[in-house]
Protein backbone atom coordinates (compact mmCIF):
# COMPACT_ATOMS: atom_id res chain seq x y z
CA MET A 1 -0.82 8.59 9.71
CA SER A 2 -4.21 9.44 8.85
CA GLN A 3 -5.60 12.37 10.94
CA ARG A 4 -9.06 13.29 10.86
CA ARG A 5 -10.00 16.46 12.33
CA ALA A 6 -13.27 17.20 14.35
CA SER A 7 -16.18 19.24 13.04
CA ASN A 8 -18.81 20.41 15.44
CA ILE A 9 -21.61 19.96 12.85
CA ASN A 10 -24.04 17.28 13.90
CA ARG A 11 -21.36 15.82 16.32
CA CYS A 12 -21.70 14.69 19.88
CA PRO A 13 -19.56 16.93 22.05
CA ASN A 14 -18.93 14.00 24.31
CA CYS A 15 -17.96 11.07 22.10
CA GLN A 16 -17.14 13.23 19.01
CA ILE A 17 -19.18 10.95 16.59
CA ASN A 18 -22.22 11.97 14.49
CA SER A 19 -25.01 12.44 16.96
CA PHE A 20 -27.30 9.97 15.38
CA LEU A 21 -24.73 7.28 16.02
CA CYS A 22 -23.60 8.65 19.47
CA VAL A 23 -22.06 5.89 21.60
CA CYS A 24 -22.37 7.51 25.03
CA SER A 25 -24.60 5.20 26.31
CA ASP A 26 -22.12 2.37 25.82
CA ILE A 27 -19.59 4.21 28.07
CA LYS A 28 -19.90 2.44 31.46
CA PRO A 29 -17.24 3.80 33.78
CA PHE A 30 -15.70 1.41 36.41
CA THR A 31 -12.79 1.44 38.91
CA ILE A 32 -9.56 -0.28 39.07
CA LYS A 33 -6.37 -0.48 41.75
CA THR A 34 -4.03 0.90 38.98
CA LEU A 35 -3.54 4.60 38.43
CA LEU A 36 -3.01 5.98 34.85
CA SER A 37 -1.21 9.12 33.68
CA LEU A 38 -1.62 9.63 29.99
CA ILE A 39 0.95 12.12 28.47
CA VAL A 40 -0.99 13.34 25.63
CA HIS A 41 0.67 15.34 22.85
CA VAL A 42 -1.27 18.62 22.27
CA ARG A 43 -1.91 17.79 18.53
CA GLU A 44 -3.97 14.83 19.40
CA LEU A 45 -6.72 17.19 21.13
CA LYS A 46 -8.10 18.02 17.73
CA LEU A 47 -8.37 14.51 16.27
CA THR A 48 -11.64 12.82 16.74
CA SER A 49 -9.61 9.41 16.44
CA ASN A 50 -7.58 10.16 19.66
CA THR A 51 -8.23 7.10 22.01
CA ALA A 52 -6.75 8.69 25.10
CA GLN A 53 -10.11 10.29 25.80
CA PHE A 54 -11.93 7.27 26.16
CA VAL A 55 -9.59 5.59 28.62
CA GLU A 56 -10.51 8.73 30.83
CA LYS A 57 -14.13 8.37 30.33
CA MET A 58 -13.80 4.59 31.07
CA LEU A 59 -11.80 4.96 34.01
CA PRO A 60 -12.23 8.40 35.20
CA GLU A 61 -11.33 7.86 38.97
CA GLN A 62 -7.89 6.45 38.02
CA THR A 63 -7.09 8.48 35.04
CA CYS A 64 -5.19 11.74 34.81
CA ILE A 65 -4.54 13.28 31.31
CA ILE A 66 -1.58 15.63 31.12
CA ILE A 67 -1.03 17.64 27.83
CA ARG A 68 2.62 17.98 26.45
CA GLY A 69 3.96 19.96 23.39
CA ARG A 70 2.00 23.36 24.05
CA MET A 71 3.64 26.42 22.79
CA ASN A 72 5.92 28.09 25.62
CA ASP A 73 4.53 25.63 28.23
CA HIS A 74 7.20 23.57 29.96
CA PHE A 75 6.22 20.06 30.71
CA GLU A 76 6.65 19.09 34.31
CA SER A 77 7.20 15.29 34.89
CA ALA A 78 7.51 15.69 38.67
CA PRO A 79 3.77 15.84 39.44
CA VAL A 80 3.14 12.73 37.50
CA LEU A 81 5.86 10.85 39.74
CA GLU A 82 4.17 11.99 42.86
CA ARG A 83 1.13 9.78 42.20
CA ARG A 84 0.98 6.64 44.26
CA GLY A 85 2.02 3.23 42.88
CA LEU A 86 4.78 1.43 41.34
CA PRO A 87 5.73 3.70 38.19
CA LEU A 88 5.80 1.88 35.14
CA PHE A 89 6.41 3.66 31.50
CA LEU A 90 4.49 1.83 28.90
CA TYR A 91 6.32 1.97 25.63
CA PRO A 92 8.50 -0.53 23.73
CA HIS A 93 12.05 0.92 24.51
CA GLU A 94 15.14 -1.00 24.04
CA ASP A 95 15.16 -1.62 27.72
CA SER A 96 11.44 -2.39 28.29
CA VAL A 97 10.44 -5.40 30.24
CA GLU A 98 7.54 -7.59 29.14
CA LEU A 99 4.22 -7.39 31.19
CA ASN A 100 3.35 -10.91 32.03
CA GLU A 101 2.49 -13.17 35.25
CA GLU A 102 6.32 -13.43 35.97
CA PHE A 103 6.35 -9.58 36.02
CA LYS A 104 3.71 -9.53 38.63
CA LEU A 105 5.34 -11.79 40.87
CA LYS A 106 8.58 -10.01 40.82
CA HIS A 107 7.11 -6.53 40.88
CA PRO A 108 3.85 -6.66 42.99
CA GLY A 109 1.57 -3.67 42.63
CA PRO A 110 -0.30 -1.25 43.15
CA TYR A 111 0.96 0.17 39.98
CA HIS A 112 0.94 3.55 38.39
CA LEU A 113 0.96 3.12 34.50
CA ILE A 114 2.53 6.19 32.60
CA VAL A 115 1.55 6.13 28.95
CA PRO A 116 2.70 8.48 26.19
CA ASP A 117 -0.01 9.40 23.64
CA GLY A 118 0.35 10.68 20.16
CA ASN A 119 1.94 9.20 17.03
CA TRP A 120 5.11 6.74 17.37
CA HIS A 121 7.37 9.65 16.93
CA GLN A 122 5.87 11.87 19.48
CA ALA A 123 5.40 9.15 21.90
CA ARG A 124 9.09 7.83 21.88
CA LYS A 125 10.23 11.37 22.52
CA VAL A 126 8.53 11.67 25.82
CA ARG A 127 10.94 9.20 28.03
CA GLN A 128 13.93 10.26 25.92
CA ARG A 129 13.61 14.06 26.79
CA GLU A 130 12.24 13.61 30.31
CA ASN A 131 15.26 12.74 32.68
CA ASN A 132 12.71 11.86 35.48
CA PHE A 133 10.92 9.24 33.18
CA LYS A 134 14.37 7.72 32.22
CA LYS A 135 14.56 6.56 35.80
CA VAL A 136 11.21 4.71 35.69
CA MET A 137 11.01 1.14 34.66
CA ALA A 138 9.73 0.68 31.00
CA VAL A 139 7.38 -1.85 30.29
CA LYS A 140 6.01 -3.36 27.06
CA LEU A 141 2.98 -5.34 26.05
CA PRO A 142 3.29 -9.22 25.55
CA GLN A 143 4.01 -10.31 21.93
CA GLY A 144 1.58 -11.49 19.42
CA LEU A 145 -0.98 -8.76 19.83
CA ILE A 146 -2.79 -7.60 16.65
CA SER A 147 -4.44 -4.18 16.63
CA GLU A 148 -8.17 -3.72 16.16
CA TYR A 149 -7.90 -0.02 15.36
CA LYS A 150 -9.00 0.72 12.02
CA LEU A 151 -9.25 4.62 12.16
CA ARG A 152 -5.52 5.19 11.45
CA LYS A 153 -2.96 3.38 9.55
CA ALA A 154 -0.04 2.12 11.69
CA PRO A 155 3.44 1.19 10.31
CA HIS A 156 3.07 -2.22 11.64
CA PRO A 157 -0.17 -4.42 12.78
CA ALA A 158 1.26 -5.10 16.18
CA TRP A 159 1.50 -1.45 16.94
CA VAL A 160 -1.72 -0.60 18.85
CA SER A 161 -3.50 2.24 19.80
CA THR A 162 -3.03 3.98 23.09
CA TYR A 163 -6.55 2.75 24.37
CA GLU A 164 -5.53 -1.06 23.29
CA ALA A 165 -2.19 -0.61 24.81
CA VAL A 166 -3.96 0.42 28.15
CA ALA A 167 -6.37 -2.29 27.99
CA HIS A 168 -3.99 -5.11 27.28
CA ALA A 169 -1.46 -3.90 29.84
CA LEU A 170 -4.38 -3.79 32.48
CA GLY A 171 -5.27 -7.24 31.37
CA VAL A 172 -2.00 -8.25 33.03
CA LEU A 173 -1.89 -6.05 35.75
CA GLU A 174 -5.46 -6.30 36.82
CA GLY A 175 -6.93 -9.27 35.20
CA GLU A 176 -8.60 -10.28 31.77
CA ASN A 177 -11.96 -9.10 32.90
CA VAL A 178 -10.59 -5.55 33.04
CA ARG A 179 -9.13 -5.95 29.41
CA ASP A 180 -12.35 -7.35 28.18
CA GLU A 181 -14.71 -4.88 29.58
CA LEU A 182 -12.64 -1.95 28.08
CA MET A 183 -12.13 -3.83 24.65
CA VAL A 184 -16.04 -4.28 24.36
CA PHE A 185 -16.42 -0.55 24.25
CA PHE A 186 -13.51 0.00 22.01
CA ARG A 187 -14.90 -2.44 19.22
CA LYS A 188 -18.22 -0.64 19.61
CA TRP A 189 -16.63 2.71 19.12
CA VAL A 190 -14.50 1.86 16.16
CA ALA A 191 -17.24 0.12 14.42
CA THR A 192 -19.41 3.07 15.00
CA THR A 193 -16.83 5.63 13.91
CA LEU A 194 -16.37 3.71 10.63
CA ASP A 195 -20.21 3.65 9.96
CA SER A 196 -20.18 7.51 10.64
CA ARG A 197 -17.58 8.19 8.45
CA ALA A 198 -19.17 6.08 5.73
CA GLY A 199 -22.39 8.04 6.18
CA ARG A 200 -24.37 4.90 7.04
CA ALA A 201 -27.70 5.06 9.03
CA PRO A 202 -28.01 3.99 12.72
CA ASP A 203 -30.06 0.83 11.57
CA SER A 204 -27.53 -0.46 9.53
CA ALA A 205 -24.53 -0.07 12.12
CA ASP A 206 -23.08 -3.11 13.76
């Protein structure tokens, strides 16, 4: 997987893009009912291509980021599970249930979406290694999604980024308007980041 590390030279400290292409004005926070807990691997913190940070920026009141994988720091899952709402672990494990309208009828909210963030190997380990998370219902996205994330190479086109996974999951749990609002920013950020990497000037950006 491609890993592009941050440089502080001419880079916005908030969106991590070269300052002349900053997308902070496109970040328009809003509120939803679902709570989000993002279990972020520590190595993701140094990557400008990490998408979990933008989930927190777009949904700041509902999102909690918990860092996992620090040296000599034991991860505690109990505080995560103390948050309100029906806990759902978003990852396509073998026992995962698909998120759809039938799921909502069978399992009404409010919901608490727990999302591992990292590469696929790191993300898979979270539920496998945390006994408390093994007791939480695992859910997966509907089939047929194609990732629009162009900043890293995924082993499969259907393997979406953390931000996209959250957006599409909320599209089911909260409504398509929530998904669409999140994806408007995501597409802008991806396109602008690609322009920044290519050294294109602001007037040539999408």
